[in-house]
């Protein structure tokens, strides 16, 4: 009986906190933020910037330690998060756009689609020095493990896994595991599945 009461209490807390956050952002940002059905969060969600943020159905943005921080800097920028996505301590920062597919898991990861500052020598004295930015795409069923970084212009293929503390600077094919700085393919998911079968 006690377990049942705890489950009901937890469910009620999730509902109340989610309702508070959704109401807050609907009031502050209107249709610039869209929450799909089944959205869940606690108060560790921060949405900033003039752009749009779209959450698909059944997104779980309940953060444990680090906050989920989502910033779409300009009005014409969209950050789109697919359905059945888990966000736990993510930082999504977009000047061009970030798209996350369905069924993804994002740990305490950072996706940044811009350099923020020019890399030219005259960057300190030339306010018009160009800044490089390019959209990021994370395809369906991708897992970004803790403390990973994904940089501008990267596409991560479906089903792939990005290992702990990897820094992704170029595209990742589908169905692979990448690790390291810069991230490199360490094996295919098929190889990993075969290794697991051999161990069991």
Protein backbone atom coordinates (compact mmCIF):
# COMPACT_ATOMS: atom_id res chain seq x y z
CA UNK A 1 0.00 0.00 0.00
CA UNK A 2 2.85 2.39 0.88
CA UNK A 3 4.44 1.81 -2.53
CA UNK A 4 1.13 2.63 -4.20
CA UNK A 5 0.83 5.88 -2.25
CA UNK A 6 4.40 6.84 -3.18
CA UNK A 7 3.68 6.20 -6.85
CA UNK A 8 0.53 8.34 -6.71
CA UNK A 9 2.41 11.13 -4.89
CA UNK A 10 5.22 11.08 -7.45
CA UNK A 11 2.74 11.16 -10.33
CA UNK A 12 0.96 14.13 -8.71
CA UNK A 13 4.24 16.02 -8.23
CA UNK A 14 5.21 15.45 -11.87
CA UNK A 15 1.80 16.71 -13.02
CA UNK A 16 1.91 19.83 -10.85
CA UNK A 17 5.48 20.81 -11.76
CA UNK A 18 4.88 20.17 -15.45
CA UNK A 19 1.67 22.22 -15.41
CA UNK A 20 3.52 25.09 -13.72
CA UNK A 21 6.38 25.10 -16.26
CA UNK A 22 4.06 24.80 -19.28
CA UNK A 23 1.83 27.63 -18.01
CA UNK A 24 4.87 29.81 -17.31
CA UNK A 25 6.30 29.45 -20.81
CA UNK A 26 2.92 29.78 -22.53
CA UNK A 27 2.40 33.03 -20.64
CA UNK A 28 5.92 34.35 -21.29
CA UNK A 29 6.46 33.11 -24.85
CA UNK A 30 3.04 32.34 -26.33
CA UNK A 31 3.24 30.16 -29.44
CA UNK A 32 7.06 30.45 -29.54
CA UNK A 33 7.14 27.30 -27.37
CA UNK A 34 5.03 24.25 -28.23
CA UNK A 35 4.61 21.38 -25.77
CA UNK A 36 3.40 18.06 -27.19
CA UNK A 37 1.04 15.77 -25.26
CA UNK A 38 2.62 13.80 -22.43
CA UNK A 39 5.37 16.37 -21.82
CA UNK A 40 7.02 16.07 -18.37
CA UNK A 41 9.46 18.29 -16.54
CA UNK A 42 10.45 19.68 -13.19
CA UNK A 43 11.51 23.26 -12.54
CA UNK A 44 14.96 22.63 -14.04
CA UNK A 45 13.98 23.75 -17.53
CA UNK A 46 15.16 27.10 -18.91
CA UNK A 47 14.05 28.35 -22.33
CA UNK A 48 15.54 31.60 -23.66
CA UNK A 49 15.91 33.55 -26.88
CA UNK A 50 13.56 34.91 -29.52
CA UNK A 51 13.30 31.68 -31.54
CA UNK A 52 10.87 28.77 -31.42
CA UNK A 53 11.16 25.60 -29.36
CA UNK A 54 8.95 22.63 -30.28
CA UNK A 55 8.61 19.53 -28.10
CA UNK A 56 7.05 16.41 -29.62
CA UNK A 57 4.82 13.94 -27.77
CA UNK A 58 5.97 12.27 -24.55
CA UNK A 59 9.16 14.28 -24.07
CA UNK A 60 10.64 13.72 -20.60
CA UNK A 61 12.67 16.79 -19.60
CA UNK A 62 12.90 15.90 -15.91
CA UNK A 63 16.48 16.92 -15.03
CA UNK A 64 18.27 15.45 -12.01
CA UNK A 65 21.38 17.55 -11.28
CA UNK A 66 22.00 19.94 -14.18
CA UNK A 67 19.25 22.05 -15.71
CA UNK A 68 17.98 21.63 -19.25
CA UNK A 69 18.87 24.94 -20.94
CA UNK A 70 17.46 25.62 -24.41
CA UNK A 71 18.35 28.84 -26.24
CA UNK A 72 17.11 29.72 -29.73
CA UNK A 73 18.87 33.03 -30.20
CA UNK A 74 17.10 34.63 -33.17
CA UNK A 75 13.44 34.87 -34.13
CA UNK A 76 13.86 32.75 -37.27
CA UNK A 77 15.61 29.91 -35.39
CA UNK A 78 13.79 26.70 -34.41
CA UNK A 79 14.89 24.00 -31.99
CA UNK A 80 12.75 20.94 -32.67
CA UNK A 81 12.70 17.96 -30.30
CA UNK A 82 10.98 14.80 -31.50
CA UNK A 83 8.64 12.43 -29.67
CA UNK A 84 9.66 10.04 -26.88
CA UNK A 85 12.87 11.97 -26.19
CA UNK A 86 14.64 11.99 -22.81
CA UNK A 87 16.48 15.20 -21.83
CA UNK A 88 18.56 15.23 -18.64
CA UNK A 89 20.82 18.25 -18.19
CA UNK A 90 21.15 19.24 -21.85
CA UNK A 91 22.31 22.53 -23.29
CA UNK A 92 20.87 23.31 -26.73
CA UNK A 93 22.16 26.59 -28.18
CA UNK A 94 21.14 27.56 -31.70
CA UNK A 95 21.75 30.45 -34.09
CA UNK A 96 20.69 28.38 -37.14
CA UNK A 97 18.67 25.46 -35.77
CA UNK A 98 18.82 22.13 -33.96
CA UNK A 99 16.65 19.13 -34.86
CA UNK A 100 16.44 16.08 -32.59
CA UNK A 101 14.62 13.03 -33.91
CA UNK A 102 12.28 10.63 -32.13
CA UNK A 103 13.27 8.16 -29.40
CA UNK A 104 16.55 9.87 -28.49
CA UNK A 105 18.30 9.93 -25.11
CA UNK A 106 20.37 13.00 -24.25
CA UNK A 107 22.36 13.02 -21.04
CA UNK A 108 24.24 16.07 -19.79
CA UNK A 109 25.27 17.00 -23.30
CA UNK A 110 25.88 20.29 -25.10
CA UNK A 111 24.81 20.99 -28.70
CA UNK A 112 26.07 24.32 -30.07
CA UNK A 113 25.50 25.26 -33.72
CA UNK A 114 27.67 28.39 -33.73
CA UNK A 115 31.16 29.59 -32.84
CA UNK A 116 29.61 32.68 -31.15
CA UNK A 117 32.67 34.72 -32.19
CA UNK A 118 34.59 35.04 -35.43
CA UNK A 119 37.82 33.08 -35.72
CA UNK A 120 39.37 35.80 -37.90
CA UNK A 121 42.37 37.72 -36.59
CA UNK A 122 40.43 40.99 -36.55
CA UNK A 123 37.60 39.59 -34.42
CA UNK A 124 38.33 41.94 -31.50
CA UNK A 125 38.30 45.09 -33.63
CA UNK A 126 35.84 44.21 -36.40
CA UNK A 127 32.24 43.91 -35.19
CA UNK A 128 31.26 42.62 -38.66
CA UNK A 129 33.73 39.74 -38.75
CA UNK A 130 31.76 36.67 -39.89
CA UNK A 131 30.76 34.07 -37.33
CA UNK A 132 30.42 30.46 -38.51
CA UNK A 133 27.11 28.73 -37.76
CA UNK A 134 25.46 25.62 -39.24
CA UNK A 135 22.43 23.55 -38.15
CA UNK A 136 22.76 20.36 -36.11
CA UNK A 137 20.65 17.26 -36.84
CA UNK A 138 20.33 14.29 -34.48
CA UNK A 139 18.41 11.54 -36.24
CA UNK A 140 16.03 9.02 -34.61
CA UNK A 141 17.02 6.68 -31.78
CA UNK A 142 20.38 8.31 -30.97
CA UNK A 143 21.94 8.19 -27.49
CA UNK A 144 24.22 11.06 -26.49
CA UNK A 145 25.92 9.98 -23.26
CA UNK A 146 26.96 12.32 -20.45
CA UNK A 147 29.25 15.30 -20.99
CA UNK A 148 29.30 14.99 -24.77
CA UNK A 149 29.61 18.01 -27.05
CA UNK A 150 28.16 18.27 -30.58
CA UNK A 151 29.41 21.19 -32.68
CA UNK A 152 28.03 23.17 -35.61
CA UNK A 153 27.01 21.50 -38.85
CA UNK A 154 27.02 17.94 -37.50
CA UNK A 155 24.47 15.26 -38.42
CA UNK A 156 24.37 12.17 -36.20
CA UNK A 157 22.88 9.18 -38.02
CA UNK A 158 20.00 7.08 -36.73
CA UNK A 159 20.58 4.55 -33.93
CA UNK A 160 24.12 5.73 -33.19
CA UNK A 161 25.65 6.11 -29.73
CA UNK A 162 28.00 8.93 -28.74
CA UNK A 163 30.19 7.86 -25.82
CA UNK A 164 30.88 9.67 -22.57
CA UNK A 165 32.78 12.99 -23.00
CA UNK A 166 33.06 12.66 -26.78
CA UNK A 167 33.42 15.84 -28.84
CA UNK A 168 31.63 15.48 -32.19
CA UNK A 169 33.09 17.76 -34.86
CA UNK A 170 31.94 15.96 -38.03
CA UNK A 171 29.04 13.81 -39.22
CA UNK A 172 28.45 10.42 -37.61
CA UNK A 173 27.03 7.59 -39.75
CA UNK A 174 24.02 5.55 -38.68
CA UNK A 175 24.34 2.42 -36.51
CA UNK A 176 27.76 3.11 -34.97
CA UNK A 177 29.36 3.91 -31.62
CA UNK A 178 31.70 6.91 -31.51
CA UNK A 179 34.01 8.05 -28.73
CA UNK A 180 36.93 10.40 -28.10
CA UNK A 181 38.00 13.95 -28.83
CA UNK A 182 37.49 14.38 -31.71
CA UNK A 183 34.89 11.61 -31.83
CA UNK A 184 35.74 8.63 -34.04
CA UNK A 185 33.88 5.45 -34.90
CA UNK A 186 35.02 2.71 -32.52
CA UNK A 187 32.68 -0.02 -33.73
CA UNK A 188 29.37 -0.69 -35.43
CA UNK A 189 26.26 -1.51 -33.43
CA UNK A 190 26.23 -4.90 -35.13
CA UNK A 191 29.72 -5.66 -33.77
CA UNK A 192 28.67 -4.51 -30.31
CA UNK A 193 25.59 -6.74 -30.43
CA UNK A 194 27.72 -9.73 -31.45
CA UNK A 195 30.18 -9.02 -28.60
CA UNK A 196 27.33 -8.90 -26.10
CA UNK A 197 25.93 -12.19 -27.40
CA UNK A 198 29.35 -13.84 -27.01
CA UNK A 199 29.59 -12.67 -23.39
CA UNK A 200 26.18 -14.06 -22.42
